[in-house]
Amino acid sequence: MKVLVSDLDGTLISTVTKQIELNDIKGIKKFQNRGNVFIPATGRGVVNYSKAISKYNIPPHDYAILSNGSVIIDKEFHVIRSKGLNIQIINKVIPILLSIDFSKIVEITMVEINHNYTFNTLKDLEYGISNLNKEKVLTISLEFKSTTHRRNAETKFRSLNNLYFELLCNNQFIDILPKNVNKAEAIKFLLDNYIVGHKELYTIGDGENDLCMFKMTKNSYTFNRVDTIIKEEANNIIDNFSDIMKLIM
């Protein structure tokens, strides 16, 4: 049995056309019909992943890893595992969020399983925090107006993250996750508990949040167009998503 774990945005969903190529959709379905397993692994939470399915015509998954590993769902969209930030961690992060220059930010999102709370101004964030049920927050995502702005803000979190949470940085995004949660950890959970039999793992992605799953297998793939730091961690470099489908069929 082959298991294909694919990032979505910039990988399966093209950065150029902003869509999934029809041949890739057909290829994934053919791959599954041969008894193999397809697992999207994305930073999108349940809400945004559900929207993406209809918008991009994402092929039906066998499992899906969402919020960079905080949530795992099965093909019926049942949550089979979720891990969230605890209240003590959120309380440590909030002062940093409040100190960030909102002129450099697109939005800050606090993600629950079935709801996202998005803040575009400091006033909105202050109000949202005062009314937030912190026990339900899985992850916190920050989208900046540029990668440079993200890197400048990133240093504010670095002194804390090794002790309290995972900090995933990719392009203009920062994601704050529970400690020891990432795409690779979620893949291991599925392989150990849900996908039985001999498994040959393939992973493909284009960002820093995909590096952890590259380390899991010799069958790791990325693209010629990505930054050198990403290409150095993958064992195989291809031009398009369709290339991996041809190789593993």
C-alpha atoms as a PDB file:
ATOM      1  CA  MET A   1       0.000   0.000   0.000  1.00  0.00           C
ATOM      2  CA  LYS A   2       1.214   3.481  -0.860  1.00  0.00           C
ATOM      3  CA  VAL A   3       0.356   6.501   1.261  1.00  0.00           C
ATOM      4  CA  LEU A   4       0.567   9.940  -0.369  1.00  0.00           C
ATOM      5  CA  VAL A   5       0.596  12.912   2.000  1.00  0.00           C
ATOM      6  CA  SER A   6       0.315  16.196   0.135  1.00  0.00           C
ATOM      7  CA  ASP A   7       0.353  19.812   1.172  1.00  0.00           C
ATOM      8  CA  LEU A   8      -2.454  21.827  -0.433  1.00  0.00           C
ATOM      9  CA  ASP A   9      -1.739  25.488  -1.109  1.00  0.00           C
ATOM     10  CA  GLY A  10       1.184  25.866  -3.485  1.00  0.00           C
ATOM     11  CA  THR A  11       1.481  22.095  -3.927  1.00  0.00           C
ATOM     12  CA  LEU A  12      -1.727  20.404  -5.041  1.00  0.00           C
ATOM     13  CA  ILE A  13      -3.354  23.818  -5.568  1.00  0.00           C
ATOM     14  CA  SER A  14      -1.158  25.585  -8.129  1.00  0.00           C
ATOM     15  CA  THR A  15       0.444  28.900  -7.198  1.00  0.00           C
ATOM     16  CA  VAL A  16       0.033  30.012 -10.824  1.00  0.00           C
ATOM     17  CA  THR A  17      -3.489  28.944 -11.787  1.00  0.00           C
ATOM     18  CA  LYS A  18      -4.927  28.912  -8.230  1.00  0.00           C
ATOM     19  CA  GLN A  19      -6.639  25.636  -9.021  1.00  0.00           C
ATOM     20  CA  ILE A  20      -6.060  21.876  -9.080  1.00  0.00           C
ATOM     21  CA  GLU A  21      -5.322  20.500 -12.505  1.00  0.00           C
ATOM     22  CA  LEU A  22      -7.983  18.085 -13.786  1.00  0.00           C
ATOM     23  CA  ASN A  23      -5.346  15.440 -14.553  1.00  0.00           C
ATOM     24  CA  ASP A  24      -4.143  15.604 -10.938  1.00  0.00           C
ATOM     25  CA  ILE A  25      -7.678  15.074  -9.654  1.00  0.00           C
ATOM     26  CA  LYS A  26      -8.070  12.068 -11.944  1.00  0.00           C
ATOM     27  CA  GLY A  27      -4.629  10.778 -10.957  1.00  0.00           C
ATOM     28  CA  ILE A  28      -5.394  10.890  -7.237  1.00  0.00           C
ATOM     29  CA  LYS A  29      -8.703   9.075  -7.713  1.00  0.00           C
ATOM     30  CA  LYS A  30      -6.970   6.399  -9.798  1.00  0.00           C
ATOM     31  CA  PHE A  31      -4.293   6.111  -7.096  1.00  0.00           C
ATOM     32  CA  GLN A  32      -6.991   5.538  -4.463  1.00  0.00           C
ATOM     33  CA  ASN A  33      -8.891   3.059  -6.620  1.00  0.00           C
ATOM     34  CA  ARG A  34      -5.763   0.901  -6.606  1.00  0.00           C
ATOM     35  CA  GLY A  35      -6.018   0.535  -2.842  1.00  0.00           C
ATOM     36  CA  ASN A  36      -3.727   3.410  -1.883  1.00  0.00           C
ATOM     37  CA  VAL A  37      -4.300   6.226   0.598  1.00  0.00           C
ATOM     38  CA  PHE A  38      -4.469   9.983  -0.090  1.00  0.00           C
ATOM     39  CA  ILE A  39      -3.984  12.391   2.829  1.00  0.00           C
ATOM     40  CA  PRO A  40      -4.035  16.176   2.383  1.00  0.00           C
ATOM     41  CA  ALA A  41      -1.924  17.888   5.053  1.00  0.00           C
ATOM     42  CA  THR A  42      -2.539  21.597   5.363  1.00  0.00           C
ATOM     43  CA  GLY A  43      -2.381  24.586   7.634  1.00  0.00           C
ATOM     44  CA  ARG A  44      -6.059  25.166   6.905  1.00  0.00           C
ATOM     45  CA  GLY A  45      -8.445  24.355   9.726  1.00  0.00           C
ATOM     46  CA  VAL A  46     -11.685  22.418   9.356  1.00  0.00           C
ATOM     47  CA  VAL A  47     -13.687  25.489   8.299  1.00  0.00           C
ATOM     48  CA  ASN A  48     -11.278  26.686   5.605  1.00  0.00           C
ATOM     49  CA  TYR A  49     -10.556  23.158   4.383  1.00  0.00           C
ATOM     50  CA  SER A  50     -14.277  22.558   3.886  1.00  0.00           C
ATOM     51  CA  LYS A  51     -14.511  25.742   1.828  1.00  0.00           C
ATOM     52  CA  ALA A  52     -11.455  24.733  -0.221  1.00  0.00           C
ATOM     53  CA  ILE A  53     -12.983  21.354  -1.113  1.00  0.00           C
ATOM     54  CA  SER A  54     -15.838  22.986  -3.009  1.00  0.00           C
ATOM     55  CA  LYS A  55     -13.782  25.912  -4.341  1.00  0.00           C
ATOM     56  CA  TYR A  56     -10.924  23.828  -5.744  1.00  0.00           C
ATOM     57  CA  ASN A  57     -12.651  20.467  -6.249  1.00  0.00           C
ATOM     58  CA  ILE A  58     -10.195  18.694  -3.946  1.00  0.00           C
ATOM     59  CA  PRO A  59     -10.460  14.912  -4.440  1.00  0.00           C
ATOM     60  CA  PRO A  60     -12.121  13.030  -1.542  1.00  0.00           C
ATOM     61  CA  HIS A  61      -9.525  12.238   1.121  1.00  0.00           C
ATOM     62  CA  ASP A  62      -9.017   9.038   3.071  1.00  0.00           C
ATOM     63  CA  TYR A  63      -7.810  11.107   6.010  1.00  0.00           C
ATOM     64  CA  ALA A  64      -6.927  14.779   6.279  1.00  0.00           C
ATOM     65  CA  ILE A  65      -4.390  16.494   8.522  1.00  0.00           C
ATOM     66  CA  LEU A  66      -5.592  20.016   9.295  1.00  0.00           C
ATOM     67  CA  SER A  67      -4.257  23.018  11.192  1.00  0.00           C
ATOM     68  CA  ASN A  68      -0.737  21.664  10.597  1.00  0.00           C
ATOM     69  CA  GLY A  69      -1.465  18.560  12.652  1.00  0.00           C
ATOM     70  CA  SER A  70      -3.739  19.851  15.403  1.00  0.00           C
ATOM     71  CA  VAL A  71      -6.772  18.143  13.868  1.00  0.00           C
ATOM     72  CA  ILE A  72      -7.100  14.844  12.004  1.00  0.00           C
ATOM     73  CA  ILE A  73     -10.339  13.823  10.286  1.00  0.00           C
ATOM     74  CA  ASP A  74     -11.484  10.675   8.485  1.00  0.00           C
ATOM     75  CA  LYS A  75     -13.259  10.462   5.126  1.00  0.00           C
ATOM     76  CA  GLU A  76     -16.637  11.135   6.790  1.00  0.00           C
ATOM     77  CA  PHE A  77     -15.211  14.311   8.365  1.00  0.00           C
ATOM     78  CA  HIS A  78     -15.315  12.827  11.841  1.00  0.00           C
ATOM     79  CA  VAL A  79     -12.582  14.262  14.053  1.00  0.00           C
ATOM     80  CA  ILE A  80     -10.455  11.315  15.133  1.00  0.00           C
ATOM     81  CA  ARG A  81      -7.957  13.446  17.049  1.00  0.00           C
ATOM     82  CA  SER A  82      -7.538  17.058  18.078  1.00  0.00           C
ATOM     83  CA  LYS A  83      -4.949  18.845  20.177  1.00  0.00           C
ATOM     84  CA  GLY A  84      -5.323  22.436  21.300  1.00  0.00           C
ATOM     85  CA  LEU A  85      -3.343  25.146  23.024  1.00  0.00           C
ATOM     86  CA  ASN A  86      -3.859  25.212  26.769  1.00  0.00           C
ATOM     87  CA  ILE A  87      -4.990  28.331  28.572  1.00  0.00           C
ATOM     88  CA  GLN A  88      -1.579  28.991  30.148  1.00  0.00           C
ATOM     89  CA  ILE A  89       0.078  29.074  26.716  1.00  0.00           C
ATOM     90  CA  ILE A  90      -2.600  31.350  25.266  1.00  0.00           C
ATOM     91  CA  ASN A  91      -2.131  33.733  28.171  1.00  0.00           C
ATOM     92  CA  LYS A  92       1.613  33.875  27.427  1.00  0.00           C
ATOM     93  CA  VAL A  93       0.994  34.525  23.711  1.00  0.00           C
ATOM     94  CA  ILE A  94      -1.674  37.216  24.074  1.00  0.00           C
ATOM     95  CA  PRO A  95       0.708  40.019  25.243  1.00  0.00           C
ATOM     96  CA  ILE A  96       2.866  39.382  22.167  1.00  0.00           C
ATOM     97  CA  LEU A  97      -0.174  39.491  19.877  1.00  0.00           C
ATOM     98  CA  LEU A  98      -1.238  42.797  21.411  1.00  0.00           C
ATOM     99  CA  SER A  99       2.244  44.260  20.869  1.00  0.00           C
ATOM    100  CA  ILE A 100       2.376  43.552  17.116  1.00  0.00           C
ATOM    101  CA  ASP A 101       2.040  46.452  14.686  1.00  0.00           C
ATOM    102  CA  PHE A 102      -1.315  45.855  12.987  1.00  0.00           C
ATOM    103  CA  SER A 103      -0.298  47.974  10.006  1.00  0.00           C
ATOM    104  CA  LYS A 104       1.947  45.028   9.048  1.00  0.00           C
ATOM    105  CA  ILE A 105      -0.766  42.379   9.496  1.00  0.00           C
ATOM    106  CA  VAL A 106      -3.527  41.106   7.226  1.00  0.00           C
ATOM    107  CA  GLU A 107      -5.292  39.229  10.022  1.00  0.00           C
ATOM    108  CA  ILE A 108      -4.922  37.148  13.171  1.00  0.00           C
ATOM    109  CA  THR A 109      -7.093  34.028  13.413  1.00  0.00           C
ATOM    110  CA  MET A 110      -7.872  31.921  16.458  1.00  0.00           C
ATOM    111  CA  VAL A 111      -8.960  28.505  15.217  1.00  0.00           C
ATOM    112  CA  GLU A 112     -11.474  26.193  16.852  1.00  0.00           C
ATOM    113  CA  ILE A 113     -12.651  22.921  15.315  1.00  0.00           C
ATOM    114  CA  ASN A 114     -15.835  24.355  13.816  1.00  0.00           C
ATOM    115  CA  HIS A 115     -15.236  28.087  13.961  1.00  0.00           C
ATOM    116  CA  ASN A 116     -12.583  30.689  13.181  1.00  0.00           C
ATOM    117  CA  TYR A 117     -12.308  34.029  14.962  1.00  0.00           C
ATOM    118  CA  THR A 118     -10.546  36.550  12.741  1.00  0.00           C
ATOM    119  CA  PHE A 119      -9.222  39.940  13.853  1.00  0.00           C
ATOM    120  CA  ASN A 120      -8.059  42.726  11.528  1.00  0.00           C
ATOM    121  CA  THR A 121      -7.454  45.525  14.025  1.00  0.00           C
ATOM    122  CA  LEU A 122      -6.019  45.831  17.511  1.00  0.00           C
ATOM    123  CA  LYS A 123      -9.414  46.948  18.803  1.00  0.00           C
ATOM    124  CA  ASP A 124     -11.068  43.822  17.371  1.00  0.00           C
ATOM    125  CA  LEU A 125      -8.375  41.627  18.910  1.00  0.00           C
ATOM    126  CA  GLU A 126      -8.717  43.228  22.342  1.00  0.00           C
ATOM    127  CA  TYR A 127     -12.483  42.759  22.248  1.00  0.00           C
ATOM    128  CA  GLY A 128     -12.206  39.208  20.918  1.00  0.00           C
ATOM    129  CA  ILE A 129      -9.746  38.137  23.596  1.00  0.00           C
ATOM    130  CA  SER A 130     -12.011  39.454  26.347  1.00  0.00           C
ATOM    131  CA  ASN A 131     -14.879  37.284  25.049  1.00  0.00           C
ATOM    132  CA  LEU A 132     -12.889  34.255  23.904  1.00  0.00           C
ATOM    133  CA  ASN A 133     -13.434  30.747  25.250  1.00  0.00           C
ATOM    134  CA  LYS A 134      -9.754  29.899  25.520  1.00  0.00           C
ATOM    135  CA  GLU A 135     -10.439  26.227  26.249  1.00  0.00           C
ATOM    136  CA  LYS A 136     -11.541  25.682  22.641  1.00  0.00           C
ATOM    137  CA  VAL A 137      -8.616  27.316  20.803  1.00  0.00           C
ATOM    138  CA  LEU A 138      -6.566  24.810  18.777  1.00  0.00           C
ATOM    139  CA  THR A 139      -4.122  27.100  16.992  1.00  0.00           C
ATOM    140  CA  ILE A 140      -3.410  30.775  16.402  1.00  0.00           C
ATOM    141  CA  SER A 141      -2.517  31.939  12.905  1.00  0.00           C
ATOM    142  CA  LEU A 142      -1.017  35.263  11.862  1.00  0.00           C
ATOM    143  CA  GLU A 143      -0.951  36.459   8.245  1.00  0.00           C
ATOM    144  CA  PHE A 144       1.407  39.343   7.508  1.00  0.00           C
ATOM    145  CA  LYS A 145       1.499  41.656   4.512  1.00  0.00           C
ATOM    146  CA  SER A 146       4.953  40.391   3.536  1.00  0.00           C
ATOM    147  CA  THR A 147       7.521  37.764   4.458  1.00  0.00           C
ATOM    148  CA  THR A 148       9.754  40.544   5.792  1.00  0.00           C
ATOM    149  CA  HIS A 149       7.054  41.687   8.219  1.00  0.00           C
ATOM    150  CA  ARG A 150       6.575  38.090   9.324  1.00  0.00           C
ATOM    151  CA  ARG A 151      10.276  37.608   9.993  1.00  0.00           C
ATOM    152  CA  ASN A 152      10.427  40.813  12.047  1.00  0.00           C
ATOM    153  CA  ALA A 153       7.500  39.684  14.205  1.00  0.00           C
ATOM    154  CA  GLU A 154       8.792  36.129  14.482  1.00  0.00           C
ATOM    155  CA  THR A 155      11.542  37.131  16.892  1.00  0.00           C
ATOM    156  CA  LYS A 156       8.909  38.175  19.447  1.00  0.00           C
ATOM    157  CA  PHE A 157       7.779  34.548  19.769  1.00  0.00           C
ATOM    158  CA  ARG A 158      11.126  32.745  19.603  1.00  0.00           C
ATOM    159  CA  SER A 159      12.046  33.240  23.255  1.00  0.00           C
ATOM    160  CA  LEU A 160       8.922  31.343  24.321  1.00  0.00           C
ATOM    161  CA  ASN A 161       8.265  28.715  21.700  1.00  0.00           C
ATOM    162  CA  ASN A 162      10.911  26.158  22.670  1.00  0.00           C
ATOM    163  CA  LEU A 163       9.308  25.853  26.072  1.00  0.00           C
ATOM    164  CA  TYR A 164       5.623  26.247  25.451  1.00  0.00           C
ATOM    165  CA  PHE A 165       4.475  25.782  21.850  1.00  0.00           C
ATOM    166  CA  GLU A 166       5.442  25.007  18.262  1.00  0.00           C
ATOM    167  CA  LEU A 167       6.074  27.975  15.987  1.00  0.00           C
ATOM    168  CA  LEU A 168       5.630  27.230  12.286  1.00  0.00           C
ATOM    169  CA  CYS A 169       6.683  29.940   9.849  1.00  0.00           C
ATOM    170  CA  ASN A 170       5.945  29.756   6.130  1.00  0.00           C
ATOM    171  CA  ASN A 171       6.033  32.632   3.653  1.00  0.00           C
ATOM    172  CA  GLN A 172       3.954  35.409   5.251  1.00  0.00           C
ATOM    173  CA  PHE A 173       2.330  33.162   7.877  1.00  0.00           C
ATOM    174  CA  ILE A 174       3.065  32.270  11.497  1.00  0.00           C
ATOM    175  CA  ASP A 175       1.159  29.408  13.129  1.00  0.00           C
ATOM    176  CA  ILE A 176       1.250  28.751  16.852  1.00  0.00           C
ATOM    177  CA  LEU A 177       0.514  25.106  17.687  1.00  0.00           C
ATOM    178  CA  PRO A 178       0.568  22.895  20.777  1.00  0.00           C
ATOM    179  CA  LYS A 179       4.004  21.586  21.699  1.00  0.00           C
ATOM    180  CA  ASN A 180       5.168  18.592  19.614  1.00  0.00           C
ATOM    181  CA  VAL A 181       2.320  18.948  17.105  1.00  0.00           C
ATOM    182  CA  ASN A 182       3.148  19.119  13.398  1.00  0.00           C
ATOM    183  CA  LYS A 183       2.373  17.356  10.119  1.00  0.00           C
ATOM    184  CA  ALA A 184       4.938  14.597  10.726  1.00  0.00           C
ATOM    185  CA  GLU A 185       3.598  13.777  14.176  1.00  0.00           C
ATOM    186  CA  ALA A 186       0.085  13.548  12.721  1.00  0.00           C
ATOM    187  CA  ILE A 187       1.271  11.260   9.908  1.00  0.00           C
ATOM    188  CA  LYS A 188       2.924   8.954  12.441  1.00  0.00           C
ATOM    189  CA  PHE A 189      -0.295   8.868  14.460  1.00  0.00           C
ATOM    190  CA  LEU A 190      -2.255   7.729  11.400  1.00  0.00           C
ATOM    191  CA  LEU A 191       0.323   5.160  10.318  1.00  0.00           C
ATOM    192  CA  ASP A 192       0.493   3.695  13.816  1.00  0.00           C
ATOM    193  CA  ASN A 193      -3.218   3.646  14.568  1.00  0.00           C
ATOM    194  CA  TYR A 194      -5.383   3.751  11.455  1.00  0.00           C
ATOM    195  CA  ILE A 195      -3.552   2.650   8.305  1.00  0.00           C
ATOM    196  CA  VAL A 196      -2.823  -1.054   8.641  1.00  0.00           C
ATOM    197  CA  GLY A 197      -0.501  -3.241   6.616  1.00  0.00           C
ATOM    198  CA  HIS A 198       2.737  -2.538   4.775  1.00  0.00           C
ATOM    199  CA  LYS A 199       2.989   1.144   3.968  1.00  0.00           C
ATOM    200  CA  GLU A 200       5.202   3.008   1.517  1.00  0.00           C
ATOM    201  CA  LEU A 201       5.093   6.687   2.432  1.00  0.00           C
ATOM    202  CA  TYR A 202       5.355   9.561  -0.059  1.00  0.00           C
ATOM    203  CA  THR A 203       5.306  13.208   1.018  1.00  0.00           C
ATOM    204  CA  ILE A 204       5.165  16.379  -1.062  1.00  0.00           C
ATOM    205  CA  GLY A 205       5.118  20.044  -0.119  1.00  0.00           C
ATOM    206  CA  ASP A 206       6.539  23.475  -0.870  1.00  0.00           C
ATOM    207  CA  GLY A 207       6.953  25.233   2.475  1.00  0.00           C
ATOM    208  CA  GLU A 208       8.812  25.295   5.761  1.00  0.00           C
ATOM    209  CA  ASN A 209       5.877  23.636   7.523  1.00  0.00           C
ATOM    210  CA  ASP A 210       6.425  20.610   5.254  1.00  0.00           C
ATOM    211  CA  LEU A 211      10.070  20.005   6.210  1.00  0.00           C
ATOM    212  CA  CYS A 212       9.168  17.781   9.148  1.00  0.00           C
ATOM    213  CA  MET A 213       7.374  15.293   6.903  1.00  0.00           C
ATOM    214  CA  PHE A 214      10.248  15.274   4.398  1.00  0.00           C
ATOM    215  CA  LYS A 215      12.392  13.716   7.124  1.00  0.00           C
ATOM    216  CA  MET A 216      10.032  10.747   7.470  1.00  0.00           C
ATOM    217  CA  THR A 217      10.779   9.058   4.144  1.00  0.00           C
ATOM    218  CA  LYS A 218      13.216   8.819   1.272  1.00  0.00           C
ATOM    219  CA  ASN A 219      10.174   9.465  -0.938  1.00  0.00           C
ATOM    220  CA  SER A 220       9.974  13.181  -0.164  1.00  0.00           C
ATOM    221  CA  TYR A 221       9.234  15.607  -2.987  1.00  0.00           C
ATOM    222  CA  THR A 222       9.259  19.337  -3.626  1.00  0.00           C
ATOM    223  CA  PHE A 223       9.525  21.649  -6.623  1.00  0.00           C
ATOM    224  CA  ASN A 224      12.285  23.317  -8.594  1.00  0.00           C
ATOM    225  CA  ARG A 225      10.635  26.703  -8.030  1.00  0.00           C
ATOM    226  CA  VAL A 226      10.814  26.715  -4.210  1.00  0.00           C
ATOM    227  CA  ASP A 227      13.472  28.253  -1.972  1.00  0.00           C
ATOM    228  CA  THR A 228      16.797  26.464  -1.623  1.00  0.00           C
ATOM    229  CA  ILE A 229      16.179  25.705   2.065  1.00  0.00           C
ATOM    230  CA  ILE A 230      13.151  23.608   1.065  1.00  0.00           C
ATOM    231  CA  LYS A 231      14.900  21.827  -1.802  1.00  0.00           C
ATOM    232  CA  GLU A 232      17.828  20.897   0.444  1.00  0.00           C
ATOM    233  CA  GLU A 233      15.526  18.903   2.735  1.00  0.00           C
ATOM    234  CA  ALA A 234      13.612  16.965   0.049  1.00  0.00           C
ATOM    235  CA  ASN A 235      15.108  13.907  -1.611  1.00  0.00           C
ATOM    236  CA  ASN A 236      13.379  14.446  -4.944  1.00  0.00           C
ATOM    237  CA  ILE A 237      12.856  17.617  -6.968  1.00  0.00           C
ATOM    238  CA  ILE A 238      10.102  17.815  -9.595  1.00  0.00           C
ATOM    239  CA  ASP A 239       8.449  20.492 -11.720  1.00  0.00           C
ATOM    240  CA  ASN A 240       4.739  19.827 -11.202  1.00  0.00           C
ATOM    241  CA  PHE A 241       2.425  17.836  -8.959  1.00  0.00           C
ATOM    242  CA  SER A 242       1.571  15.604 -11.919  1.00  0.00           C
ATOM    243  CA  ASP A 243       5.192  14.390 -11.908  1.00  0.00           C
ATOM    244  CA  ILE A 244       4.786  12.609  -8.573  1.00  0.00           C
ATOM    245  CA  MET A 245       1.563  10.969  -9.711  1.00  0.00           C
ATOM    246  CA  LYS A 246       3.366   9.507 -12.745  1.00  0.00           C
ATOM    247  CA  LEU A 247       6.178   8.219 -10.537  1.00  0.00           C
ATOM    248  CA  ILE A 248       4.066   6.465  -7.920  1.00  0.00           C
ATOM    249  CA  MET A 249       1.327   4.934 -10.067  1.00  0.00           C
END
